[in-house]
Amino acid sequence: MHYVSITGFRVRSPWHLPGFFWHAVRSMRQAQAADGNIFAEAQRIEGVFHTLSVWRDRKAMLAYLTAGAHRKAMAASANLGAGYAFGFEGDLVPDWAEVHALWLEEGARRTDARQTAA
């Protein structure tokens, strides 16, 4: 069993793309070299920049999340656009069609939860 992490991020405007890519490239390099990383890749689907990473366990993913280039990217993200991340334990690596579908499902759940809480 591994920990699968999926993210999706929409850049606010074309003017923010250079800053986004500056952080994204460094964060991806960090992920690929991180202890406990099994797989890390990114793709743009329907205007959303997605990442898919697979980790030995959630602890390894959290160590990456809170350090180095990724920590700096998270601090800058509110100025660059908006998105969300989620993760789950699993044995299989989803393909990119599944990644996007899971990301959309998670967004719908988050929207439903906000509407229920209001």
PDB file of N, CA and C in Angstrom:
ATOM      1  N   MET A   1       0.850  -1.175   0.000  1.00  0.00           N
ATOM      2  CA  MET A   1       0.000   0.000   0.000  1.00  0.00           C
ATOM      3  C   MET A   1       0.896   1.239   0.000  1.00  0.00           C
ATOM      4  N   HIS A   2       0.591   2.181  -0.879  1.00  0.00           N
ATOM      5  CA  HIS A   2       1.342   3.436  -0.994  1.00  0.00           C
ATOM      6  C   HIS A   2       0.401   4.609  -0.740  1.00  0.00           C
ATOM      7  N   TYR A   3       0.981   5.801  -0.680  1.00  0.00           N
ATOM      8  CA  TYR A   3       0.179   7.013  -0.550  1.00  0.00           C
ATOM      9  C   TYR A   3       0.202   7.739  -1.887  1.00  0.00           C
ATOM     10  N   VAL A   4      -0.965   7.995  -2.450  1.00  0.00           N
ATOM     11  CA  VAL A   4      -1.117   8.662  -3.742  1.00  0.00           C
ATOM     12  C   VAL A   4      -1.569  10.094  -3.478  1.00  0.00           C
ATOM     13  N   SER A   5      -0.900  11.051  -4.082  1.00  0.00           N
ATOM     14  CA  SER A   5      -1.251  12.462  -3.941  1.00  0.00           C
ATOM     15  C   SER A   5      -1.590  13.047  -5.307  1.00  0.00           C
ATOM     16  N   ILE A   6      -2.706  13.757  -5.360  1.00  0.00           N
ATOM     17  CA  ILE A   6      -3.163  14.399  -6.598  1.00  0.00           C
ATOM     18  C   ILE A   6      -3.382  15.871  -6.312  1.00  0.00           C
ATOM     19  N   THR A   7      -2.864  16.718  -7.191  1.00  0.00           N
ATOM     20  CA  THR A   7      -3.097  18.153  -7.067  1.00  0.00           C
ATOM     21  C   THR A   7      -3.623  18.707  -8.382  1.00  0.00           C
ATOM     22  N   GLY A   8      -4.270  19.843  -8.285  1.00  0.00           N
ATOM     23  CA  GLY A   8      -4.704  20.582  -9.459  1.00  0.00           C
ATOM     24  C   GLY A   8      -4.648  22.060  -9.146  1.00  0.00           C
ATOM     25  N   PHE A   9      -4.143  22.844 -10.080  1.00  0.00           N
ATOM     26  CA  PHE A   9      -3.947  24.272  -9.835  1.00  0.00           C
ATOM     27  C   PHE A   9      -4.269  25.052 -11.101  1.00  0.00           C
ATOM     28  N   ARG A  10      -5.093  26.064 -10.954  1.00  0.00           N
ATOM     29  CA  ARG A  10      -5.406  26.976 -12.063  1.00  0.00           C
ATOM     30  C   ARG A  10      -4.655  28.283 -11.824  1.00  0.00           C
ATOM     31  N   VAL A  11      -3.834  28.649 -12.788  1.00  0.00           N
ATOM     32  CA  VAL A  11      -3.075  29.892 -12.691  1.00  0.00           C
ATOM     33  C   VAL A  11      -4.020  31.057 -12.956  1.00  0.00           C
ATOM     34  N   ARG A  12      -3.910  32.088 -12.126  1.00  0.00           N
ATOM     35  CA  ARG A  12      -4.811  33.242 -12.160  1.00  0.00           C
ATOM     36  C   ARG A  12      -4.890  33.919 -13.520  1.00  0.00           C
ATOM     37  N   SER A  13      -3.753  34.098 -14.163  1.00  0.00           N
ATOM     38  CA  SER A  13      -3.714  34.745 -15.473  1.00  0.00           C
ATOM     39  C   SER A  13      -2.410  34.371 -16.168  1.00  0.00           C
ATOM     40  N   PRO A  14      -2.342  34.600 -17.467  1.00  0.00           N
ATOM     41  CA  PRO A  14      -1.083  34.304 -18.174  1.00  0.00           C
ATOM     42  C   PRO A  14       0.120  35.040 -17.579  1.00  0.00           C
ATOM     43  N   TRP A  15      -0.128  36.192 -16.981  1.00  0.00           N
ATOM     44  CA  TRP A  15       0.962  36.965 -16.377  1.00  0.00           C
ATOM     45  C   TRP A  15       1.607  36.222 -15.205  1.00  0.00           C
ATOM     46  N   HIS A  16       0.861  35.311 -14.606  1.00  0.00           N
ATOM     47  CA  HIS A  16       1.366  34.566 -13.453  1.00  0.00           C
ATOM     48  C   HIS A  16       2.068  33.257 -13.843  1.00  0.00           C
ATOM     49  N   LEU A  17       2.037  32.913 -15.118  1.00  0.00           N
ATOM     50  CA  LEU A  17       2.660  31.657 -15.547  1.00  0.00           C
ATOM     51  C   LEU A  17       4.163  31.574 -15.245  1.00  0.00           C
ATOM     52  N   PRO A  18       4.952  32.623 -15.490  1.00  0.00           N
ATOM     53  CA  PRO A  18       6.387  32.494 -15.174  1.00  0.00           C
ATOM     54  C   PRO A  18       6.645  32.166 -13.705  1.00  0.00           C
ATOM     55  N   GLY A  19       5.954  32.829 -12.805  1.00  0.00           N
ATOM     56  CA  GLY A  19       6.117  32.539 -11.377  1.00  0.00           C
ATOM     57  C   GLY A  19       5.659  31.142 -11.029  1.00  0.00           C
ATOM     58  N   PHE A  20       4.538  30.737 -11.616  1.00  0.00           N
ATOM     59  CA  PHE A  20       4.041  29.385 -11.372  1.00  0.00           C
ATOM     60  C   PHE A  20       5.076  28.354 -11.830  1.00  0.00           C
ATOM     61  N   PHE A  21       5.569  28.497 -13.065  1.00  0.00           N
ATOM     62  CA  PHE A  21       6.531  27.522 -13.578  1.00  0.00           C
ATOM     63  C   PHE A  21       7.825  27.525 -12.775  1.00  0.00           C
ATOM     64  N   TRP A  22       8.243  28.683 -12.313  1.00  0.00           N
ATOM     65  CA  TRP A  22       9.459  28.764 -11.500  1.00  0.00           C
ATOM     66  C   TRP A  22       9.321  27.863 -10.278  1.00  0.00           C
ATOM     67  N   HIS A  23       8.188  27.971  -9.600  1.00  0.00           N
ATOM     68  CA  HIS A  23       7.948  27.146  -8.409  1.00  0.00           C
ATOM     69  C   HIS A  23       7.661  25.686  -8.778  1.00  0.00           C
ATOM     70  N   ALA A  24       6.899  25.468  -9.842  1.00  0.00           N
ATOM     71  CA  ALA A  24       6.491  24.109 -10.212  1.00  0.00           C
ATOM     72  C   ALA A  24       7.687  23.242 -10.584  1.00  0.00           C
ATOM     73  N   VAL A  25       8.596  23.771 -11.364  1.00  0.00           N
ATOM     74  CA  VAL A  25       9.770  22.991 -11.786  1.00  0.00           C
ATOM     75  C   VAL A  25      10.618  22.616 -10.576  1.00  0.00           C
ATOM     76  N   ARG A  26      10.846  23.560  -9.700  1.00  0.00           N
ATOM     77  CA  ARG A  26      11.658  23.282  -8.510  1.00  0.00           C
ATOM     78  C   ARG A  26      10.973  22.288  -7.572  1.00  0.00           C
ATOM     79  N   SER A  27       9.664  22.428  -7.432  1.00  0.00           N
ATOM     80  CA  SER A  27       8.921  21.499  -6.577  1.00  0.00           C
ATOM     81  C   SER A  27       8.927  20.088  -7.153  1.00  0.00           C
ATOM     82  N   MET A  28       8.790  19.968  -8.470  1.00  0.00           N
ATOM     83  CA  MET A  28       8.804  18.646  -9.092  1.00  0.00           C
ATOM     84  C   MET A  28      10.171  17.998  -8.940  1.00  0.00           C
ATOM     85  N   ARG A  29      11.224  18.766  -9.144  1.00  0.00           N
ATOM     86  CA  ARG A  29      12.578  18.213  -8.946  1.00  0.00           C
ATOM     87  C   ARG A  29      12.752  17.735  -7.510  1.00  0.00           C
ATOM     88  N   GLN A  30      12.263  18.530  -6.567  1.00  0.00           N
ATOM     89  CA  GLN A  30      12.350  18.148  -5.162  1.00  0.00           C
ATOM     90  C   GLN A  30      11.584  16.845  -4.915  1.00  0.00           C
ATOM     91  N   ALA A  31      10.369  16.744  -5.454  1.00  0.00           N
ATOM     92  CA  ALA A  31       9.554  15.541  -5.255  1.00  0.00           C
ATOM     93  C   ALA A  31      10.259  14.310  -5.822  1.00  0.00           C
ATOM     94  N   GLN A  32      10.758  14.414  -7.035  1.00  0.00           N
ATOM     95  CA  GLN A  32      11.382  13.263  -7.686  1.00  0.00           C
ATOM     96  C   GLN A  32      12.627  12.785  -6.945  1.00  0.00           C
ATOM     97  N   ALA A  33      13.299  13.690  -6.232  1.00  0.00           N
ATOM     98  CA  ALA A  33      14.505  13.324  -5.494  1.00  0.00           C
ATOM     99  C   ALA A  33      14.234  13.020  -4.020  1.00  0.00           C
ATOM    100  N   ALA A  34      13.001  13.226  -3.565  1.00  0.00           N
ATOM    101  CA  ALA A  34      12.676  13.095  -2.146  1.00  0.00           C
ATOM    102  C   ALA A  34      12.732  11.643  -1.676  1.00  0.00           C
ATOM    103  N   ASP A  35      13.174  11.478  -0.455  1.00  0.00           N
ATOM    104  CA  ASP A  35      13.156  10.162   0.176  1.00  0.00           C
ATOM    105  C   ASP A  35      11.711   9.683   0.268  1.00  0.00           C
ATOM    106  N   GLY A  36      11.467   8.484  -0.189  1.00  0.00           N
ATOM    107  CA  GLY A  36      10.134   7.919  -0.122  1.00  0.00           C
ATOM    108  C   GLY A  36       9.283   8.142  -1.359  1.00  0.00           C
ATOM    109  N   ASN A  37       9.787   8.930  -2.324  1.00  0.00           N
ATOM    110  CA  ASN A  37       9.025   9.139  -3.553  1.00  0.00           C
ATOM    111  C   ASN A  37       9.219   7.949  -4.481  1.00  0.00           C
ATOM    112  N   ILE A  38       8.110   7.464  -5.011  1.00  0.00           N
ATOM    113  CA  ILE A  38       8.133   6.339  -5.942  1.00  0.00           C
ATOM    114  C   ILE A  38       7.899   6.824  -7.370  1.00  0.00           C
ATOM    115  N   PHE A  39       7.062   7.862  -7.505  1.00  0.00           N
ATOM    116  CA  PHE A  39       6.661   8.350  -8.822  1.00  0.00           C
ATOM    117  C   PHE A  39       6.186   9.787  -8.662  1.00  0.00           C
ATOM    118  N   ALA A  40       6.563  10.652  -9.577  1.00  0.00           N
ATOM    119  CA  ALA A  40       6.057  12.026  -9.591  1.00  0.00           C
ATOM    120  C   ALA A  40       6.054  12.520 -11.028  1.00  0.00           C
ATOM    121  N   GLU A  41       4.907  13.049 -11.451  1.00  0.00           N
ATOM    122  CA  GLU A  41       4.746  13.523 -12.817  1.00  0.00           C
ATOM    123  C   GLU A  41       3.719  14.650 -12.817  1.00  0.00           C
ATOM    124  N   ALA A  42       3.749  15.464 -13.862  1.00  0.00           N
ATOM    125  CA  ALA A  42       2.794  16.569 -13.995  1.00  0.00           C
ATOM    126  C   ALA A  42       2.236  16.596 -15.414  1.00  0.00           C
ATOM    127  N   GLN A  43       1.005  17.064 -15.507  1.00  0.00           N
ATOM    128  CA  GLN A  43       0.359  17.268 -16.807  1.00  0.00           C
ATOM    129  C   GLN A  43      -0.644  18.403 -16.686  1.00  0.00           C
ATOM    130  N   ARG A  44      -0.874  19.052 -17.820  1.00  0.00           N
ATOM    131  CA  ARG A  44      -1.925  20.066 -17.894  1.00  0.00           C
ATOM    132  C   ARG A  44      -3.125  19.434 -18.601  1.00  0.00           C
ATOM    133  N   ILE A  45      -4.276  19.465 -17.926  1.00  0.00           N
ATOM    134  CA  ILE A  45      -5.500  18.892 -18.469  1.00  0.00           C
ATOM    135  C   ILE A  45      -6.602  19.931 -18.355  1.00  0.00           C
ATOM    136  N   GLU A  46      -7.186  20.296 -19.494  1.00  0.00           N
ATOM    137  CA  GLU A  46      -8.285  21.268 -19.540  1.00  0.00           C
ATOM    138  C   GLU A  46      -7.955  22.549 -18.763  1.00  0.00           C
ATOM    139  N   GLY A  47      -6.734  23.033 -18.947  1.00  0.00           N
ATOM    140  CA  GLY A  47      -6.323  24.291 -18.332  1.00  0.00           C
ATOM    141  C   GLY A  47      -5.900  24.192 -16.879  1.00  0.00           C
ATOM    142  N   VAL A  48      -5.923  22.994 -16.322  1.00  0.00           N
ATOM    143  CA  VAL A  48      -5.530  22.784 -14.924  1.00  0.00           C
ATOM    144  C   VAL A  48      -4.181  22.073 -14.907  1.00  0.00           C
ATOM    145  N   PHE A  49      -3.263  22.592 -14.105  1.00  0.00           N
ATOM    146  CA  PHE A  49      -1.954  21.957 -13.938  1.00  0.00           C
ATOM    147  C   PHE A  49      -2.065  20.937 -12.813  1.00  0.00           C
ATOM    148  N   HIS A  50      -1.891  19.675 -13.177  1.00  0.00           N
ATOM    149  CA  HIS A  50      -2.026  18.586 -12.212  1.00  0.00           C
ATOM    150  C   HIS A  50      -0.676  17.959 -11.901  1.00  0.00           C
ATOM    151  N   THR A  51      -0.574  17.450 -10.682  1.00  0.00           N
ATOM    152  CA  THR A  51       0.540  16.573 -10.338  1.00  0.00           C
ATOM    153  C   THR A  51      -0.024  15.279  -9.801  1.00  0.00           C
ATOM    154  N   LEU A  52       0.695  14.230 -10.044  1.00  0.00           N
ATOM    155  CA  LEU A  52       0.407  12.913  -9.504  1.00  0.00           C
ATOM    156  C   LEU A  52       1.707  12.415  -8.906  1.00  0.00           C
ATOM    157  N   SER A  53       1.671  12.087  -7.632  1.00  0.00           N
ATOM    158  CA  SER A  53       2.859  11.521  -7.002  1.00  0.00           C
ATOM    159  C   SER A  53       2.450  10.341  -6.131  1.00  0.00           C
ATOM    160  N   VAL A  54       3.359   9.386  -6.052  1.00  0.00           N
ATOM    161  CA  VAL A  54       3.141   8.190  -5.247  1.00  0.00           C
ATOM    162  C   VAL A  54       4.305   8.094  -4.276  1.00  0.00           C
ATOM    163  N   TRP A  55       3.962   7.830  -3.025  1.00  0.00           N
ATOM    164  CA  TRP A  55       4.940   7.857  -1.940  1.00  0.00           C
ATOM    165  C   TRP A  55       4.936   6.541  -1.181  1.00  0.00           C
ATOM    166  N   ARG A  56       6.039   6.260  -0.546  1.00  0.00           N
ATOM    167  CA  ARG A  56       6.157   5.068   0.292  1.00  0.00           C
ATOM    168  C   ARG A  56       5.036   5.063   1.330  1.00  0.00           C
ATOM    169  N   ASP A  57       4.770   6.239   1.898  1.00  0.00           N
ATOM    170  CA  ASP A  57       3.710   6.382   2.889  1.00  0.00           C
ATOM    171  C   ASP A  57       3.393   7.868   3.055  1.00  0.00           C
ATOM    172  N   ARG A  58       2.347   8.164   3.810  1.00  0.00           N
ATOM    173  CA  ARG A  58       1.914   9.549   4.003  1.00  0.00           C
ATOM    174  C   ARG A  58       2.991  10.371   4.705  1.00  0.00           C
ATOM    175  N   LYS A  59       3.714   9.770   5.612  1.00  0.00           N
ATOM    176  CA  LYS A  59       4.778  10.470   6.335  1.00  0.00           C
ATOM    177  C   LYS A  59       5.841  11.002   5.369  1.00  0.00           C
ATOM    178  N   ALA A  60       6.230  10.207   4.385  1.00  0.00           N
ATOM    179  CA  ALA A  60       7.221  10.650   3.391  1.00  0.00           C
ATOM    180  C   ALA A  60       6.681  11.816   2.576  1.00  0.00           C
ATOM    181  N   MET A  61       5.392  11.740   2.197  1.00  0.00           N
ATOM    182  CA  MET A  61       4.792  12.836   1.431  1.00  0.00           C
ATOM    183  C   MET A  61       4.757  14.116   2.264  1.00  0.00           C
ATOM    184  N   LEU A  62       4.398  14.012   3.546  1.00  0.00           N
ATOM    185  CA  LEU A  62       4.338  15.201   4.403  1.00  0.00           C
ATOM    186  C   LEU A  62       5.710  15.824   4.613  1.00  0.00           C
ATOM    187  N   ALA A  63       6.750  15.008   4.672  1.00  0.00           N
ATOM    188  CA  ALA A  63       8.115  15.540   4.800  1.00  0.00           C
ATOM    189  C   ALA A  63       8.458  16.389   3.581  1.00  0.00           C
ATOM    190  N   TYR A  64       8.089  15.928   2.395  1.00  0.00           N
ATOM    191  CA  TYR A  64       8.299  16.701   1.165  1.00  0.00           C
ATOM    192  C   TYR A  64       7.456  17.975   1.179  1.00  0.00           C
ATOM    193  N   LEU A  65       6.200  17.826   1.525  1.00  0.00           N
ATOM    194  CA  LEU A  65       5.225  18.919   1.479  1.00  0.00           C
ATOM    195  C   LEU A  65       5.674  20.146   2.274  1.00  0.00           C
ATOM    196  N   THR A  66       6.329  19.913   3.395  1.00  0.00           N
ATOM    197  CA  THR A  66       6.622  21.004   4.332  1.00  0.00           C
ATOM    198  C   THR A  66       8.066  21.494   4.265  1.00  0.00           C
ATOM    199  N   ALA A  67       8.783  21.148   3.201  1.00  0.00           N
ATOM    200  CA  ALA A  67      10.197  21.515   3.136  1.00  0.00           C
ATOM    201  C   ALA A  67      10.564  22.118   1.780  1.00  0.00           C
ATOM    202  N   GLY A  68      11.672  22.810   1.761  1.00  0.00           N
ATOM    203  CA  GLY A  68      12.323  23.249   0.535  1.00  0.00           C
ATOM    204  C   GLY A  68      11.466  24.010  -0.453  1.00  0.00           C
ATOM    205  N   ALA A  69      11.654  23.667  -1.717  1.00  0.00           N
ATOM    206  CA  ALA A  69      10.992  24.377  -2.812  1.00  0.00           C
ATOM    207  C   ALA A  69       9.474  24.280  -2.714  1.00  0.00           C
ATOM    208  N   HIS A  70       8.964  23.140  -2.295  1.00  0.00           N
ATOM    209  CA  HIS A  70       7.507  22.995  -2.214  1.00  0.00           C
ATOM    210  C   HIS A  70       6.913  23.904  -1.144  1.00  0.00           C
ATOM    211  N   ARG A  71       7.591  24.032  -0.039  1.00  0.00           N
ATOM    212  CA  ARG A  71       7.110  24.942   1.017  1.00  0.00           C
ATOM    213  C   ARG A  71       7.043  26.379   0.494  1.00  0.00           C
ATOM    214  N   LYS A  72       8.047  26.788  -0.263  1.00  0.00           N
ATOM    215  CA  LYS A  72       8.057  28.132  -0.855  1.00  0.00           C
ATOM    216  C   LYS A  72       6.944  28.279  -1.882  1.00  0.00           C
ATOM    217  N   ALA A  73       6.705  27.229  -2.664  1.00  0.00           N
ATOM    218  CA  ALA A  73       5.622  27.263  -3.658  1.00  0.00           C
ATOM    219  C   ALA A  73       4.265  27.423  -2.980  1.00  0.00           C
ATOM    220  N   MET A  74       4.065  26.723  -1.890  1.00  0.00           N
ATOM    221  CA  MET A  74       2.793  26.841  -1.177  1.00  0.00           C
ATOM    222  C   MET A  74       2.594  28.260  -0.647  1.00  0.00           C
ATOM    223  N   ALA A  75       3.662  28.874  -0.178  1.00  0.00           N
ATOM    224  CA  ALA A  75       3.563  30.242   0.328  1.00  0.00           C
ATOM    225  C   ALA A  75       3.198  31.222  -0.787  1.00  0.00           C
ATOM    226  N   ALA A  76       3.659  30.956  -1.996  1.00  0.00           N
ATOM    227  CA  ALA A  76       3.405  31.853  -3.134  1.00  0.00           C
ATOM    228  C   ALA A  76       2.099  31.542  -3.857  1.00  0.00           C
ATOM    229  N   SER A  77       1.507  30.393  -3.616  1.00  0.00           N
ATOM    230  CA  SER A  77       0.388  29.915  -4.437  1.00  0.00           C
ATOM    231  C   SER A  77      -0.828  30.835  -4.430  1.00  0.00           C
ATOM    232  N   ALA A  78      -1.163  31.440  -3.317  1.00  0.00           N
ATOM    233  CA  ALA A  78      -2.355  32.296  -3.269  1.00  0.00           C
ATOM    234  C   ALA A  78      -2.236  33.488  -4.217  1.00  0.00           C
ATOM    235  N   ASN A  79      -1.026  33.946  -4.471  1.00  0.00           N
ATOM    236  CA  ASN A  79      -0.819  35.059  -5.400  1.00  0.00           C
ATOM    237  C   ASN A  79      -0.845  34.612  -6.859  1.00  0.00           C
ATOM    238  N   LEU A  80      -0.632  33.329  -7.103  1.00  0.00           N
ATOM    239  CA  LEU A  80      -0.501  32.815  -8.469  1.00  0.00           C
ATOM    240  C   LEU A  80      -1.787  32.224  -9.029  1.00  0.00           C
ATOM    241  N   GLY A  81      -2.676  31.765  -8.164  1.00  0.00           N
ATOM    242  CA  GLY A  81      -3.902  31.125  -8.624  1.00  0.00           C
ATOM    243  C   GLY A  81      -4.565  30.383  -7.496  1.00  0.00           C
ATOM    244  N   ALA A  82      -5.274  29.315  -7.841  1.00  0.00           N
ATOM    245  CA  ALA A  82      -5.990  28.547  -6.826  1.00  0.00           C
ATOM    246  C   ALA A  82      -6.032  27.084  -7.219  1.00  0.00           C
ATOM    247  N   GLY A  83      -6.119  26.240  -6.229  1.00  0.00           N
ATOM    248  CA  GLY A  83      -6.215  24.812  -6.473  1.00  0.00           C
ATOM    249  C   GLY A  83      -6.366  24.071  -5.175  1.00  0.00           C
ATOM    250  N   TYR A  84      -6.291  22.779  -5.263  1.00  0.00           N
ATOM    251  CA  TYR A  84      -6.358  21.953  -4.066  1.00  0.00           C
ATOM    252  C   TYR A  84      -5.656  20.638  -4.327  1.00  0.00           C
ATOM    253  N   ALA A  85      -5.348  19.981  -3.230  1.00  0.00           N
ATOM    254  CA  ALA A  85      -4.671  18.692  -3.268  1.00  0.00           C
ATOM    255  C   ALA A  85      -5.403  17.736  -2.337  1.00  0.00           C
ATOM    256  N   PHE A  86      -5.276  16.472  -2.629  1.00  0.00           N
ATOM    257  CA  PHE A  86      -5.800  15.451  -1.733  1.00  0.00           C
ATOM    258  C   PHE A  86      -5.017  14.178  -1.963  1.00  0.00           C
ATOM    259  N   GLY A  87      -5.143  13.255  -1.039  1.00  0.00           N
ATOM    260  CA  GLY A  87      -4.415  12.013  -1.166  1.00  0.00           C
ATOM    261  C   GLY A  87      -5.183  10.859  -0.569  1.00  0.00           C
ATOM    262  N   PHE A  88      -4.689   9.660  -0.859  1.00  0.00           N
ATOM    263  CA  PHE A  88      -5.332   8.454  -0.365  1.00  0.00           C
ATOM    264  C   PHE A  88      -4.343   7.300  -0.452  1.00  0.00           C
ATOM    265  N   GLU A  89      -4.601   6.273   0.314  1.00  0.00           N
ATOM    266  CA  GLU A  89      -3.785   5.074   0.242  1.00  0.00           C
ATOM    267  C   GLU A  89      -4.312   4.170  -0.855  1.00  0.00           C
ATOM    268  N   GLY A  90      -3.407   3.561  -1.599  1.00  0.00           N
ATOM    269  CA  GLY A  90      -3.814   2.675  -2.681  1.00  0.00           C
ATOM    270  C   GLY A  90      -2.663   1.835  -3.183  1.00  0.00           C
ATOM    271  N   ASP A  91      -3.015   0.795  -3.914  1.00  0.00           N
ATOM    272  CA  ASP A  91      -2.017  -0.101  -4.494  1.00  0.00           C
ATOM    273  C   ASP A  91      -1.691   0.241  -5.935  1.00  0.00           C
ATOM    274  N   LEU A  92      -2.625   0.923  -6.620  1.00  0.00           N
ATOM    275  CA  LEU A  92      -2.470   1.207  -8.041  1.00  0.00           C
ATOM    276  C   LEU A  92      -2.229   2.691  -8.279  1.00  0.00           C
ATOM    277  N   VAL A  93      -1.447   2.995  -9.305  1.00  0.00           N
ATOM    278  CA  VAL A  93      -1.240   4.379  -9.727  1.00  0.00           C
ATOM    279  C   VAL A  93      -2.325   4.705 -10.758  1.00  0.00           C
ATOM    280  N   PRO A  94      -3.165   5.713 -10.493  1.00  0.00           N
ATOM    281  CA  PRO A  94      -4.204   6.041 -11.474  1.00  0.00           C
ATOM    282  C   PRO A  94      -3.594   6.598 -12.753  1.00  0.00           C
ATOM    283  N   ASP A  95      -4.278   6.355 -13.900  1.00  0.00           N
ATOM    284  CA  ASP A  95      -3.815   6.977 -15.138  1.00  0.00           C
ATOM    285  C   ASP A  95      -4.313   8.422 -15.156  1.00  0.00           C
ATOM    286  N   TRP A  96      -3.886   9.184 -16.161  1.00  0.00           N
ATOM    287  CA  TRP A  96      -4.190  10.617 -16.156  1.00  0.00           C
ATOM    288  C   TRP A  96      -5.676  10.922 -16.297  1.00  0.00           C
ATOM    289  N   ALA A  97      -6.412  10.090 -17.011  1.00  0.00           N
ATOM    290  CA  ALA A  97      -7.864  10.293 -17.101  1.00  0.00           C
ATOM    291  C   ALA A  97      -8.494  10.116 -15.719  1.00  0.00           C
ATOM    292  N   GLU A  98      -8.034   9.112 -14.976  1.00  0.00           N
ATOM    293  CA  GLU A  98      -8.535   8.897 -13.613  1.00  0.00           C
ATOM    294  C   GLU A  98      -8.133  10.028 -12.681  1.00  0.00           C
ATOM    295  N   VAL A  99      -6.908  10.521 -12.835  1.00  0.00           N
ATOM    296  CA  VAL A  99      -6.433  11.630 -11.990  1.00  0.00           C
ATOM    297  C   VAL A  99      -7.370  12.826 -12.128  1.00  0.00           C
ATOM    298  N   HIS A 100      -7.672  13.196 -13.368  1.00  0.00           N
ATOM    299  CA  HIS A 100      -8.536  14.362 -13.582  1.00  0.00           C
ATOM    300  C   HIS A 100      -9.946  14.101 -13.034  1.00  0.00           C
ATOM    301  N   ALA A 101     -10.482  12.910 -13.286  1.00  0.00           N
ATOM    302  CA  ALA A 101     -11.821  12.573 -12.787  1.00  0.00           C
ATOM    303  C   ALA A 101     -11.855  12.584 -11.260  1.00  0.00           C
ATOM    304  N   LEU A 102     -10.841  12.023 -10.622  1.00  0.00           N
ATOM    305  CA  LEU A 102     -10.782  12.035  -9.155  1.00  0.00           C
ATOM    306  C   LEU A 102     -10.679  13.450  -8.617  1.00  0.00           C
ATOM    307  N   TRP A 103      -9.897  14.288  -9.310  1.00  0.00           N
ATOM    308  CA  TRP A 103      -9.743  15.681  -8.881  1.00  0.00           C
ATOM    309  C   TRP A 103     -11.085  16.415  -8.984  1.00  0.00           C
ATOM    310  N   LEU A 104     -11.824  16.191 -10.060  1.00  0.00           N
ATOM    311  CA  LEU A 104     -13.139  16.819 -10.215  1.00  0.00           C
ATOM    312  C   LEU A 104     -14.114  16.319  -9.150  1.00  0.00           C
ATOM    313  N   GLU A 105     -14.088  15.022  -8.850  1.00  0.00           N
ATOM    314  CA  GLU A 105     -14.945  14.461  -7.794  1.00  0.00           C
ATOM    315  C   GLU A 105     -14.631  15.091  -6.447  1.00  0.00           C
ATOM    316  N   GLU A 106     -13.357  15.235  -6.149  1.00  0.00           N
ATOM    317  CA  GLU A 106     -12.953  15.844  -4.883  1.00  0.00           C
ATOM    318  C   GLU A 106     -13.445  17.287  -4.806  1.00  0.00           C
ATOM    319  N   GLY A 107     -13.354  18.010  -5.908  1.00  0.00           N
ATOM    320  CA  GLY A 107     -13.856  19.384  -5.939  1.00  0.00           C
ATOM    321  C   GLY A 107     -15.351  19.439  -5.694  1.00  0.00           C
ATOM    322  N   ALA A 108     -16.097  18.509  -6.274  1.00  0.00           N
ATOM    323  CA  ALA A 108     -17.541  18.457  -6.051  1.00  0.00           C
ATOM    324  C   ALA A 108     -17.840  18.166  -4.580  1.00  0.00           C
ATOM    325  N   ARG A 109     -17.080  17.250  -3.968  1.00  0.00           N
ATOM    326  CA  ARG A 109     -17.275  16.958  -2.539  1.00  0.00           C
ATOM    327  C   ARG A 109     -17.007  18.186  -1.692  1.00  0.00           C
ATOM    328  N   ARG A 110     -15.951  18.909  -2.023  1.00  0.00           N
ATOM    329  CA  ARG A 110     -15.615  20.118  -1.261  1.00  0.00           C
ATOM    330  C   ARG A 110     -16.697  21.177  -1.405  1.00  0.00           C
ATOM    331  N   THR A 111     -17.231  21.324  -2.612  1.00  0.00           N
ATOM    332  CA  THR A 111     -18.308  22.291  -2.859  1.00  0.00           C
ATOM    333  C   THR A 111     -19.549  21.890  -2.078  1.00  0.00           C
ATOM    334  N   ASP A 112     -19.916  20.606  -2.115  1.00  0.00           N
ATOM    335  CA  ASP A 112     -21.074  20.119  -1.368  1.00  0.00           C
ATOM    336  C   ASP A 112     -20.894  20.358   0.122  1.00  0.00           C
ATOM    337  N   ALA A 113     -19.709  20.103   0.631  1.00  0.00           N
ATOM    338  CA  ALA A 113     -19.445  20.293   2.071  1.00  0.00           C
ATOM    339  C   ALA A 113     -19.589  21.767   2.454  1.00  0.00           C
ATOM    340  N   ARG A 114     -19.099  22.664   1.593  1.00  0.00           N
ATOM    341  CA  ARG A 114     -19.227  24.100   1.888  1.00  0.00           C
ATOM    342  C   ARG A 114     -20.689  24.532   1.858  1.00  0.00           C
ATOM    343  N   GLN A 115     -21.434  24.019   0.906  1.00  0.00           N
ATOM    344  CA  GLN A 115     -22.851  24.390   0.800  1.00  0.00           C
ATOM    345  C   GLN A 115     -23.658  23.838   1.972  1.00  0.00           C
ATOM    346  N   THR A 116     -23.331  22.642   2.427  1.00  0.00           N
ATOM    347  CA  THR A 116     -24.003  22.040   3.568  1.00  0.00           C
ATOM    348  C   THR A 116     -23.705  22.821   4.840  1.00  0.00           C
ATOM    349  N   ALA A 117     -22.457  23.292   4.972  1.00  0.00           N
ATOM    350  CA  ALA A 117     -22.050  24.026   6.171  1.00  0.00           C
ATOM    351  C   ALA A 117     -22.650  25.421   6.215  1.00  0.00           C
ATOM    352  N   ALA A 118     -23.027  25.975   5.082  1.00  0.00           N
ATOM    353  CA  ALA A 118     -23.528  27.361   5.038  1.00  0.00           C
ATOM    354  C   ALA A 118     -24.949  27.469   5.544  1.00  0.00           C
TER     355      ALA A 118
END
